[in-house]
């Protein structure tokens, strides 16, 4: 079996050249792997774009006078199930009372 070679593409990514005489089953697997990798790369780009959008929204909040640290806590609380949130708040109140903060 010939050894595959690699090269650097114009976009800076390493491309592996697949030997032509590989059995079809191997080439199909290699195609599937390439498609899955490309899908992950697209999702990573989308994730970065979404993270940039979230950062922009928090910057807008700050620009109009909202406290972004508190807004982030509210977002975190809203993600929680109501029972989990109530339990956490009850424990927090208990700790605050024990330390003379409540």
C-alpha atoms as a PDB file:
ATOM      1  CA  UNK A   1       0.000   0.000   0.000  1.00  0.00           C
ATOM      2  CA  UNK A   2       1.489   3.399  -0.930  1.00  0.00           C
ATOM      3  CA  UNK A   3       2.074   5.902   1.821  1.00  0.00           C
ATOM      4  CA  UNK A   4      -0.219   8.908   1.821  1.00  0.00           C
ATOM      5  CA  UNK A   5       1.306  12.350   1.703  1.00  0.00           C
ATOM      6  CA  UNK A   6       0.180  15.643   3.112  1.00  0.00           C
ATOM      7  CA  UNK A   7       0.488  19.248   2.038  1.00  0.00           C
ATOM      8  CA  UNK A   8      -0.465  22.671   3.338  1.00  0.00           C
ATOM      9  CA  UNK A   9      -3.471  24.086   1.471  1.00  0.00           C
ATOM     10  CA  UNK A  10      -3.916  27.747   0.520  1.00  0.00           C
ATOM     11  CA  UNK A  11      -6.109  28.284   3.587  1.00  0.00           C
ATOM     12  CA  UNK A  12      -3.325  27.068   5.916  1.00  0.00           C
ATOM     13  CA  UNK A  13      -4.919  23.705   6.753  1.00  0.00           C
ATOM     14  CA  UNK A  14      -3.026  20.484   6.256  1.00  0.00           C
ATOM     15  CA  UNK A  15      -4.582  18.319   3.574  1.00  0.00           C
ATOM     16  CA  UNK A  16      -3.912  14.604   3.441  1.00  0.00           C
ATOM     17  CA  UNK A  17      -3.874  13.076   0.017  1.00  0.00           C
ATOM     18  CA  UNK A  18      -5.547   9.682  -0.033  1.00  0.00           C
ATOM     19  CA  UNK A  19      -3.908   7.075  -2.252  1.00  0.00           C
ATOM     20  CA  UNK A  20      -6.101   6.119  -5.204  1.00  0.00           C
ATOM     21  CA  UNK A  21      -5.601   2.389  -4.829  1.00  0.00           C
ATOM     22  CA  UNK A  22      -7.256   2.171  -1.386  1.00  0.00           C
ATOM     23  CA  UNK A  23     -10.276  -0.119  -1.278  1.00  0.00           C
ATOM     24  CA  UNK A  24     -13.575   1.722  -1.755  1.00  0.00           C
ATOM     25  CA  UNK A  25     -14.649   0.992   1.836  1.00  0.00           C
ATOM     26  CA  UNK A  26     -11.611   2.902   3.152  1.00  0.00           C
ATOM     27  CA  UNK A  27     -12.206   5.847   0.840  1.00  0.00           C
ATOM     28  CA  UNK A  28     -15.865   6.014   1.927  1.00  0.00           C
ATOM     29  CA  UNK A  29     -14.745   6.041   5.576  1.00  0.00           C
ATOM     30  CA  UNK A  30     -12.215   8.766   4.816  1.00  0.00           C
ATOM     31  CA  UNK A  31     -14.927  10.812   3.085  1.00  0.00           C
ATOM     32  CA  UNK A  32     -17.204  10.421   6.089  1.00  0.00           C
ATOM     33  CA  UNK A  33     -14.407  11.462   8.448  1.00  0.00           C
ATOM     34  CA  UNK A  34     -13.695  14.523   6.305  1.00  0.00           C
ATOM     35  CA  UNK A  35     -17.389  15.473   6.297  1.00  0.00           C
ATOM     36  CA  UNK A  36     -17.627  15.077  10.078  1.00  0.00           C
ATOM     37  CA  UNK A  37     -14.490  17.168  10.631  1.00  0.00           C
ATOM     38  CA  UNK A  38     -15.822  19.884   8.309  1.00  0.00           C
ATOM     39  CA  UNK A  39     -19.121  19.832  10.217  1.00  0.00           C
ATOM     40  CA  UNK A  40     -17.298  20.322  13.527  1.00  0.00           C
ATOM     41  CA  UNK A  41     -15.329  23.198  11.980  1.00  0.00           C
ATOM     42  CA  UNK A  42     -18.549  24.889  10.812  1.00  0.00           C
ATOM     43  CA  UNK A  43     -20.107  24.458  14.254  1.00  0.00           C
ATOM     44  CA  UNK A  44     -16.988  25.922  15.904  1.00  0.00           C
ATOM     45  CA  UNK A  45     -17.312  28.968  13.621  1.00  0.00           C
ATOM     46  CA  UNK A  46     -20.994  29.316  14.538  1.00  0.00           C
ATOM     47  CA  UNK A  47     -20.137  28.965  18.243  1.00  0.00           C
ATOM     48  CA  UNK A  48     -17.581  31.763  17.963  1.00  0.00           C
ATOM     49  CA  UNK A  49     -20.097  33.946  16.143  1.00  0.00           C
ATOM     50  CA  UNK A  50     -22.736  33.326  18.820  1.00  0.00           C
ATOM     51  CA  UNK A  51     -20.208  34.056  21.588  1.00  0.00           C
ATOM     52  CA  UNK A  52     -19.381  37.350  19.845  1.00  0.00           C
ATOM     53  CA  UNK A  53     -23.111  38.196  19.654  1.00  0.00           C
ATOM     54  CA  UNK A  54     -23.575  37.445  23.370  1.00  0.00           C
ATOM     55  CA  UNK A  55     -20.590  39.645  24.236  1.00  0.00           C
ATOM     56  CA  UNK A  56     -22.134  42.449  22.144  1.00  0.00           C
ATOM     57  CA  UNK A  57     -25.459  42.162  23.992  1.00  0.00           C
ATOM     58  CA  UNK A  58     -23.723  42.383  27.363  1.00  0.00           C
ATOM     59  CA  UNK A  59     -21.781  45.419  26.106  1.00  0.00           C
ATOM     60  CA  UNK A  60     -25.079  47.007  25.069  1.00  0.00           C
ATOM     61  CA  UNK A  61     -26.518  46.276  28.536  1.00  0.00           C
ATOM     62  CA  UNK A  62     -23.530  47.938  30.135  1.00  0.00           C
ATOM     63  CA  UNK A  63     -23.771  50.939  27.794  1.00  0.00           C
ATOM     64  CA  UNK A  64     -27.341  51.657  28.903  1.00  0.00           C
ATOM     65  CA  UNK A  65     -26.477  51.303  32.588  1.00  0.00           C
ATOM     66  CA  UNK A  66     -27.317  47.727  33.533  1.00  0.00           C
ATOM     67  CA  UNK A  67     -24.964  45.739  35.756  1.00  0.00           C
ATOM     68  CA  UNK A  68     -23.727  42.921  33.524  1.00  0.00           C
ATOM     69  CA  UNK A  69     -22.423  40.829  36.414  1.00  0.00           C
ATOM     70  CA  UNK A  70     -25.966  40.662  37.824  1.00  0.00           C
ATOM     71  CA  UNK A  71     -27.443  40.042  34.366  1.00  0.00           C
ATOM     72  CA  UNK A  72     -25.140  37.034  33.965  1.00  0.00           C
ATOM     73  CA  UNK A  73     -26.317  35.686  37.324  1.00  0.00           C
ATOM     74  CA  UNK A  74     -29.950  36.121  36.269  1.00  0.00           C
ATOM     75  CA  UNK A  75     -29.266  34.231  33.021  1.00  0.00           C
ATOM     76  CA  UNK A  76     -27.634  31.429  35.035  1.00  0.00           C
ATOM     77  CA  UNK A  77     -30.618  31.301  37.436  1.00  0.00           C
ATOM     78  CA  UNK A  78     -33.144  31.202  34.598  1.00  0.00           C
ATOM     79  CA  UNK A  79     -31.373  28.150  33.153  1.00  0.00           C
ATOM     80  CA  UNK A  80     -31.983  26.233  36.378  1.00  0.00           C
ATOM     81  CA  UNK A  81     -35.034  24.128  37.111  1.00  0.00           C
ATOM     82  CA  UNK A  82     -37.349  25.921  39.567  1.00  0.00           C
ATOM     83  CA  UNK A  83     -36.872  23.251  42.260  1.00  0.00           C
ATOM     84  CA  UNK A  84     -33.088  23.433  41.937  1.00  0.00           C
ATOM     85  CA  UNK A  85     -33.206  27.225  42.106  1.00  0.00           C
ATOM     86  CA  UNK A  86     -35.408  27.172  45.252  1.00  0.00           C
ATOM     87  CA  UNK A  87     -33.090  24.654  46.904  1.00  0.00           C
ATOM     88  CA  UNK A  88     -30.014  26.750  46.084  1.00  0.00           C
ATOM     89  CA  UNK A  89     -31.684  29.922  47.387  1.00  0.00           C
ATOM     90  CA  UNK A  90     -32.727  28.157  50.624  1.00  0.00           C
ATOM     91  CA  UNK A  91     -29.178  26.926  51.206  1.00  0.00           C
ATOM     92  CA  UNK A  92     -27.795  30.384  50.409  1.00  0.00           C
ATOM     93  CA  UNK A  93     -30.218  31.962  52.917  1.00  0.00           C
ATOM     94  CA  UNK A  94     -29.171  29.399  55.560  1.00  0.00           C
ATOM     95  CA  UNK A  95     -25.494  30.189  55.006  1.00  0.00           C
ATOM     96  CA  UNK A  96     -26.133  33.952  55.059  1.00  0.00           C
ATOM     97  CA  UNK A  97     -28.029  33.659  58.368  1.00  0.00           C
ATOM     98  CA  UNK A  98     -25.259  31.506  59.851  1.00  0.00           C
ATOM     99  CA  UNK A  99     -22.728  34.189  58.942  1.00  0.00           C
ATOM    100  CA  UNK A 100     -24.897  37.100  60.143  1.00  0.00           C
ATOM    101  CA  UNK A 101     -25.550  38.433  56.650  1.00  0.00           C
ATOM    102  CA  UNK A 102     -29.286  37.863  56.532  1.00  0.00           C
END
